[in-house]
Amino acid sequence: QVQLVESGGGTVQTGGSLRLSCAASGRTFSSYAMGWFRQPPGKEREFVASISRNGGSTRHADSVKGRFSISRNNAEKMVYLQMNGLNPEDTAVYYCNARDTLLTYSTPGPFWGQGTQVTVSS
């Protein structure tokens, strides 16, 4: 099992940047591929980005490619989402996710954080 806690959300203006962090607890963090998902107001939760167990492979949704970047530090049990060029369509609750698989993924695993709100004002 792995427990996840997100931080780093907030309110920014269009074009701004934020860095989300996800702290994991549990001894088997490096056994999980990790991901970020988001749920915009009134919409379904959607895939944002994922990273393989060893950090060697990443996958990003088309809507965030070139603007967002996922990374991880297995020694510190941390996952990050660097978000640049934010626009109002990025407004959502962002969730950290873990899945017991080797490679990147877009279908979420069973482990979720509580979420962190990101609001982008125009």
N, C-alpha and C. Protein backbone atom coordinates (compact mmCIF):
# COMPACT_ATOMS: atom_id res chain seq x y z
N GLN A 1 0.84 -1.19 0.00
CA GLN A 1 0.00 0.00 0.00
C GLN A 1 0.88 1.24 0.00
N VAL A 2 0.35 2.32 -0.52
CA VAL A 2 1.05 3.59 -0.55
C VAL A 2 0.05 4.69 -0.23
N GLN A 3 0.47 5.64 0.58
CA GLN A 3 -0.36 6.79 0.91
C GLN A 3 0.23 8.01 0.22
N LEU A 4 -0.64 8.87 -0.30
CA LEU A 4 -0.21 9.99 -1.12
C LEU A 4 -0.78 11.30 -0.59
N VAL A 5 0.06 12.33 -0.54
CA VAL A 5 -0.38 13.65 -0.09
C VAL A 5 0.15 14.70 -1.06
N GLU A 6 -0.78 15.43 -1.70
CA GLU A 6 -0.41 16.47 -2.66
C GLU A 6 -0.24 17.82 -1.97
N SER A 7 0.54 18.67 -2.59
CA SER A 7 0.68 20.05 -2.15
C SER A 7 1.11 20.90 -3.33
N GLY A 8 1.03 22.22 -3.15
CA GLY A 8 1.54 23.13 -4.18
C GLY A 8 0.49 23.80 -5.03
N GLY A 9 -0.78 23.47 -4.81
CA GLY A 9 -1.82 24.13 -5.58
C GLY A 9 -1.99 25.58 -5.18
N GLY A 10 -2.80 26.31 -5.93
CA GLY A 10 -3.05 27.71 -5.62
C GLY A 10 -3.70 28.40 -6.79
N THR A 11 -3.71 29.72 -6.73
CA THR A 11 -4.29 30.54 -7.77
C THR A 11 -3.21 31.32 -8.48
N VAL A 12 -3.21 31.24 -9.81
CA VAL A 12 -2.23 31.96 -10.61
C VAL A 12 -2.95 32.62 -11.78
N GLN A 13 -2.29 33.57 -12.40
CA GLN A 13 -2.82 34.21 -13.59
C GLN A 13 -2.44 33.43 -14.83
N THR A 14 -3.19 33.66 -15.89
CA THR A 14 -2.88 33.03 -17.17
C THR A 14 -1.42 33.27 -17.54
N GLY A 15 -0.77 32.19 -17.97
CA GLY A 15 0.65 32.26 -18.32
C GLY A 15 1.58 31.94 -17.18
N GLY A 16 1.06 31.82 -15.99
CA GLY A 16 1.88 31.56 -14.82
C GLY A 16 2.28 30.11 -14.69
N SER A 17 3.02 29.82 -13.61
CA SER A 17 3.54 28.48 -13.36
C SER A 17 3.26 28.05 -11.93
N LEU A 18 3.13 26.74 -11.77
CA LEU A 18 3.02 26.13 -10.45
C LEU A 18 3.77 24.81 -10.49
N ARG A 19 4.23 24.38 -9.33
CA ARG A 19 4.83 23.06 -9.20
C ARG A 19 4.09 22.29 -8.13
N LEU A 20 3.44 21.22 -8.54
CA LEU A 20 2.75 20.36 -7.60
C LEU A 20 3.69 19.28 -7.10
N SER A 21 3.53 18.94 -5.83
CA SER A 21 4.32 17.88 -5.22
C SER A 21 3.41 16.81 -4.66
N CYS A 22 3.88 15.59 -4.67
CA CYS A 22 3.14 14.47 -4.09
C CYS A 22 4.13 13.67 -3.24
N ALA A 23 3.85 13.64 -1.94
CA ALA A 23 4.69 12.89 -1.01
C ALA A 23 4.06 11.53 -0.75
N ALA A 24 4.85 10.49 -0.90
CA ALA A 24 4.35 9.13 -0.71
C ALA A 24 4.94 8.53 0.55
N SER A 25 4.17 7.70 1.21
CA SER A 25 4.68 6.94 2.35
C SER A 25 4.47 5.47 2.07
N GLY A 26 5.28 4.67 2.70
CA GLY A 26 5.27 3.24 2.42
C GLY A 26 6.63 2.84 1.89
N ARG A 27 7.00 1.61 2.14
CA ARG A 27 8.35 1.18 1.80
C ARG A 27 8.52 0.79 0.34
N THR A 28 7.42 0.68 -0.41
CA THR A 28 7.52 0.15 -1.76
C THR A 28 7.24 1.20 -2.83
N PHE A 29 7.55 2.45 -2.55
CA PHE A 29 7.25 3.53 -3.50
C PHE A 29 7.82 3.25 -4.88
N SER A 30 9.05 2.75 -4.95
CA SER A 30 9.69 2.52 -6.24
C SER A 30 9.07 1.36 -7.01
N SER A 31 8.11 0.67 -6.41
CA SER A 31 7.40 -0.40 -7.09
C SER A 31 6.22 0.11 -7.91
N TYR A 32 5.91 1.38 -7.75
CA TYR A 32 4.73 1.95 -8.40
C TYR A 32 5.12 2.93 -9.50
N ALA A 33 4.44 2.80 -10.62
CA ALA A 33 4.40 3.91 -11.56
C ALA A 33 3.46 4.96 -10.96
N MET A 34 3.74 6.22 -11.26
CA MET A 34 2.99 7.31 -10.64
C MET A 34 2.35 8.20 -11.70
N GLY A 35 1.26 8.83 -11.33
CA GLY A 35 0.58 9.69 -12.29
C GLY A 35 -0.11 10.86 -11.64
N TRP A 36 -0.48 11.81 -12.49
CA TRP A 36 -1.30 12.94 -12.09
C TRP A 36 -2.57 12.93 -12.94
N PHE A 37 -3.68 13.16 -12.28
CA PHE A 37 -4.98 13.29 -12.93
C PHE A 37 -5.61 14.58 -12.43
N ARG A 38 -6.60 15.07 -13.16
CA ARG A 38 -7.28 16.29 -12.72
C ARG A 38 -8.76 16.19 -13.00
N GLN A 39 -9.53 16.94 -12.21
CA GLN A 39 -10.98 17.00 -12.40
C GLN A 39 -11.41 18.45 -12.48
N PRO A 40 -11.68 18.94 -13.69
CA PRO A 40 -12.18 20.31 -13.83
C PRO A 40 -13.59 20.43 -13.26
N PRO A 41 -14.03 21.63 -12.94
CA PRO A 41 -15.37 21.81 -12.38
C PRO A 41 -16.44 21.25 -13.31
N GLY A 42 -17.30 20.39 -12.78
CA GLY A 42 -18.42 19.85 -13.54
C GLY A 42 -18.04 18.81 -14.59
N LYS A 43 -16.79 18.35 -14.55
CA LYS A 43 -16.35 17.39 -15.57
C LYS A 43 -15.79 16.13 -14.92
N GLU A 44 -15.53 15.12 -15.77
CA GLU A 44 -14.96 13.88 -15.30
C GLU A 44 -13.47 14.06 -15.00
N ARG A 45 -12.97 13.17 -14.15
CA ARG A 45 -11.54 13.16 -13.89
C ARG A 45 -10.80 12.70 -15.14
N GLU A 46 -9.65 13.33 -15.44
CA GLU A 46 -8.93 13.02 -16.67
C GLU A 46 -7.44 12.87 -16.41
N PHE A 47 -6.82 12.11 -17.28
CA PHE A 47 -5.38 11.85 -17.20
C PHE A 47 -4.60 13.10 -17.56
N VAL A 48 -3.50 13.34 -16.83
CA VAL A 48 -2.61 14.46 -17.11
C VAL A 48 -1.23 13.96 -17.52
N ALA A 49 -0.62 13.14 -16.65
CA ALA A 49 0.74 12.67 -16.92
C ALA A 49 1.03 11.47 -16.05
N SER A 50 1.99 10.64 -16.51
CA SER A 50 2.44 9.51 -15.69
C SER A 50 3.93 9.28 -15.95
N ILE A 51 4.54 8.54 -15.01
CA ILE A 51 5.97 8.28 -15.07
C ILE A 51 6.22 6.86 -14.61
N SER A 52 7.15 6.19 -15.26
CA SER A 52 7.44 4.80 -14.95
C SER A 52 8.13 4.66 -13.60
N ARG A 53 8.26 3.43 -13.15
CA ARG A 53 8.84 3.16 -11.83
C ARG A 53 10.21 3.81 -11.64
N ASN A 54 11.06 3.69 -12.64
CA ASN A 54 12.42 4.22 -12.49
C ASN A 54 12.57 5.63 -13.02
N GLY A 55 11.49 6.22 -13.48
CA GLY A 55 11.53 7.59 -13.98
C GLY A 55 12.05 7.72 -15.40
N GLY A 56 12.35 6.60 -16.04
CA GLY A 56 12.94 6.66 -17.37
C GLY A 56 11.98 6.98 -18.50
N SER A 57 10.69 6.76 -18.24
CA SER A 57 9.68 7.02 -19.26
C SER A 57 8.58 7.90 -18.69
N THR A 58 8.11 8.81 -19.51
CA THR A 58 6.99 9.66 -19.11
C THR A 58 5.95 9.70 -20.22
N ARG A 59 4.73 10.05 -19.83
CA ARG A 59 3.63 10.20 -20.79
C ARG A 59 2.83 11.41 -20.35
N HIS A 60 2.45 12.24 -21.31
CA HIS A 60 1.66 13.43 -21.01
C HIS A 60 0.45 13.49 -21.93
N ALA A 61 -0.65 13.94 -21.41
CA ALA A 61 -1.84 14.16 -22.22
C ALA A 61 -1.55 15.22 -23.29
N ASP A 62 -2.20 15.10 -24.42
CA ASP A 62 -1.97 16.05 -25.52
C ASP A 62 -2.24 17.49 -25.07
N SER A 63 -3.20 17.66 -24.20
CA SER A 63 -3.59 19.01 -23.77
C SER A 63 -2.52 19.71 -22.94
N VAL A 64 -1.55 18.96 -22.41
CA VAL A 64 -0.54 19.58 -21.57
C VAL A 64 0.88 19.40 -22.12
N LYS A 65 1.02 18.67 -23.21
CA LYS A 65 2.35 18.44 -23.78
C LYS A 65 3.05 19.76 -24.09
N GLY A 66 4.33 19.82 -23.71
CA GLY A 66 5.10 21.03 -23.94
C GLY A 66 4.92 22.09 -22.88
N ARG A 67 3.93 21.90 -21.99
CA ARG A 67 3.70 22.86 -20.90
C ARG A 67 3.92 22.25 -19.52
N PHE A 68 3.53 20.99 -19.36
CA PHE A 68 3.64 20.30 -18.07
C PHE A 68 4.74 19.24 -18.17
N SER A 69 5.36 18.95 -17.02
CA SER A 69 6.39 17.92 -16.99
C SER A 69 6.33 17.18 -15.66
N ILE A 70 6.24 15.85 -15.73
CA ILE A 70 6.21 15.02 -14.55
C ILE A 70 7.62 14.50 -14.26
N SER A 71 7.94 14.39 -12.98
CA SER A 71 9.23 13.84 -12.57
C SER A 71 9.06 13.16 -11.22
N ARG A 72 10.06 12.39 -10.83
CA ARG A 72 9.99 11.71 -9.53
C ARG A 72 11.38 11.59 -8.94
N ASN A 73 11.41 11.43 -7.62
CA ASN A 73 12.64 11.19 -6.88
C ASN A 73 12.37 10.01 -5.96
N ASN A 74 12.84 8.84 -6.34
CA ASN A 74 12.52 7.63 -5.57
C ASN A 74 13.17 7.65 -4.19
N ALA A 75 14.34 8.23 -4.07
CA ALA A 75 15.01 8.28 -2.77
C ALA A 75 14.20 9.09 -1.77
N GLU A 76 13.54 10.14 -2.24
CA GLU A 76 12.74 11.00 -1.37
C GLU A 76 11.27 10.65 -1.40
N LYS A 77 10.89 9.68 -2.23
CA LYS A 77 9.49 9.26 -2.35
C LYS A 77 8.59 10.44 -2.74
N MET A 78 9.02 11.15 -3.75
CA MET A 78 8.30 12.33 -4.21
C MET A 78 7.99 12.24 -5.71
N VAL A 79 6.87 12.81 -6.09
CA VAL A 79 6.51 12.98 -7.50
C VAL A 79 6.14 14.45 -7.69
N TYR A 80 6.52 14.98 -8.83
CA TYR A 80 6.29 16.40 -9.10
C TYR A 80 5.57 16.59 -10.42
N LEU A 81 4.84 17.68 -10.51
CA LEU A 81 4.26 18.11 -11.78
C LEU A 81 4.57 19.59 -11.95
N GLN A 82 5.49 19.88 -12.84
CA GLN A 82 5.83 21.27 -13.16
C GLN A 82 4.86 21.74 -14.24
N MET A 83 4.13 22.81 -13.95
CA MET A 83 3.12 23.31 -14.86
C MET A 83 3.47 24.73 -15.29
N ASN A 84 3.73 24.91 -16.57
CA ASN A 84 4.06 26.21 -17.13
C ASN A 84 2.99 26.61 -18.14
N GLY A 85 2.92 27.87 -18.45
CA GLY A 85 1.97 28.34 -19.44
C GLY A 85 0.54 28.01 -19.10
N LEU A 86 0.18 28.16 -17.84
CA LEU A 86 -1.17 27.80 -17.40
C LEU A 86 -2.22 28.69 -18.02
N ASN A 87 -3.37 28.11 -18.30
CA ASN A 87 -4.52 28.85 -18.82
C ASN A 87 -5.77 28.44 -18.05
N PRO A 88 -6.86 29.18 -18.18
CA PRO A 88 -8.05 28.88 -17.37
C PRO A 88 -8.58 27.46 -17.56
N GLU A 89 -8.33 26.84 -18.71
CA GLU A 89 -8.79 25.46 -18.94
C GLU A 89 -8.03 24.45 -18.07
N ASP A 90 -6.95 24.87 -17.45
CA ASP A 90 -6.21 24.00 -16.53
C ASP A 90 -6.77 24.04 -15.11
N THR A 91 -7.74 24.88 -14.87
CA THR A 91 -8.36 24.95 -13.55
C THR A 91 -9.02 23.61 -13.20
N ALA A 92 -8.63 23.05 -12.07
CA ALA A 92 -9.11 21.72 -11.69
C ALA A 92 -8.57 21.37 -10.31
N VAL A 93 -9.11 20.30 -9.76
CA VAL A 93 -8.47 19.65 -8.63
C VAL A 93 -7.51 18.61 -9.20
N TYR A 94 -6.27 18.66 -8.77
CA TYR A 94 -5.24 17.76 -9.28
C TYR A 94 -4.96 16.67 -8.25
N TYR A 95 -4.94 15.43 -8.73
CA TYR A 95 -4.77 14.28 -7.87
C TYR A 95 -3.52 13.49 -8.25
N CYS A 96 -2.79 13.08 -7.25
CA CYS A 96 -1.68 12.16 -7.43
C CYS A 96 -2.23 10.73 -7.39
N ASN A 97 -1.63 9.86 -8.19
CA ASN A 97 -2.13 8.48 -8.31
C ASN A 97 -0.97 7.50 -8.39
N ALA A 98 -1.17 6.32 -7.87
CA ALA A 98 -0.16 5.26 -7.94
C ALA A 98 -0.78 4.00 -8.52
N ARG A 99 0.02 3.33 -9.35
CA ARG A 99 -0.44 2.09 -9.96
C ARG A 99 0.71 1.09 -9.94
N ASP A 100 0.39 -0.13 -9.54
CA ASP A 100 1.40 -1.18 -9.42
C ASP A 100 1.70 -1.73 -10.81
N THR A 101 2.48 -0.97 -11.56
CA THR A 101 2.87 -1.38 -12.89
C THR A 101 4.25 -0.81 -13.20
N LEU A 102 4.91 -1.35 -14.21
CA LEU A 102 6.28 -0.96 -14.52
C LEU A 102 6.35 0.35 -15.32
N LEU A 103 5.48 0.45 -16.29
CA LEU A 103 5.61 1.52 -17.28
C LEU A 103 4.59 2.64 -17.02
N THR A 104 4.56 3.60 -17.93
CA THR A 104 3.59 4.69 -17.83
C THR A 104 2.18 4.17 -18.09
N TYR A 105 1.19 4.93 -17.68
CA TYR A 105 -0.19 4.51 -17.82
C TYR A 105 -1.08 5.71 -17.94
N SER A 106 -2.29 5.51 -18.43
CA SER A 106 -3.30 6.57 -18.49
C SER A 106 -4.59 6.16 -17.80
N THR A 107 -4.73 4.89 -17.49
CA THR A 107 -5.86 4.41 -16.69
C THR A 107 -5.41 4.35 -15.25
N PRO A 108 -6.09 5.04 -14.34
CA PRO A 108 -5.55 5.17 -12.98
C PRO A 108 -5.50 3.87 -12.19
N GLY A 109 -4.53 3.84 -11.26
CA GLY A 109 -4.47 2.77 -10.29
C GLY A 109 -5.36 3.08 -9.10
N PRO A 110 -5.35 2.22 -8.08
CA PRO A 110 -6.31 2.32 -6.98
C PRO A 110 -5.93 3.32 -5.87
N PHE A 111 -4.73 3.88 -5.92
CA PHE A 111 -4.27 4.72 -4.82
C PHE A 111 -4.31 6.19 -5.22
N TRP A 112 -4.99 6.99 -4.39
CA TRP A 112 -5.19 8.41 -4.68
C TRP A 112 -4.81 9.27 -3.48
N GLY A 113 -4.33 10.48 -3.79
CA GLY A 113 -4.21 11.49 -2.76
C GLY A 113 -5.53 12.22 -2.60
N GLN A 114 -5.54 13.22 -1.72
CA GLN A 114 -6.78 13.95 -1.43
C GLN A 114 -7.06 15.06 -2.44
N GLY A 115 -6.07 15.41 -3.24
CA GLY A 115 -6.24 16.43 -4.26
C GLY A 115 -5.78 17.80 -3.81
N THR A 116 -5.39 18.62 -4.77
CA THR A 116 -5.00 20.01 -4.50
C THR A 116 -5.60 20.88 -5.61
N GLN A 117 -6.18 22.01 -5.21
CA GLN A 117 -6.88 22.88 -6.14
C GLN A 117 -5.92 23.79 -6.89
N VAL A 118 -6.07 23.83 -8.20
CA VAL A 118 -5.34 24.78 -9.04
C VAL A 118 -6.37 25.64 -9.76
N THR A 119 -6.25 26.94 -9.59
CA THR A 119 -7.16 27.89 -10.23
C THR A 119 -6.34 28.87 -11.06
N VAL A 120 -6.70 28.98 -12.33
CA VAL A 120 -6.00 29.89 -13.23
C VAL A 120 -6.98 30.99 -13.64
N SER A 121 -6.64 32.21 -13.30
CA SER A 121 -7.52 33.34 -13.60
C SER A 121 -7.10 34.00 -14.91
N SER A 122 -8.10 34.51 -15.62
CA SER A 122 -7.82 35.15 -16.92
C SER A 122 -7.55 36.63 -16.76
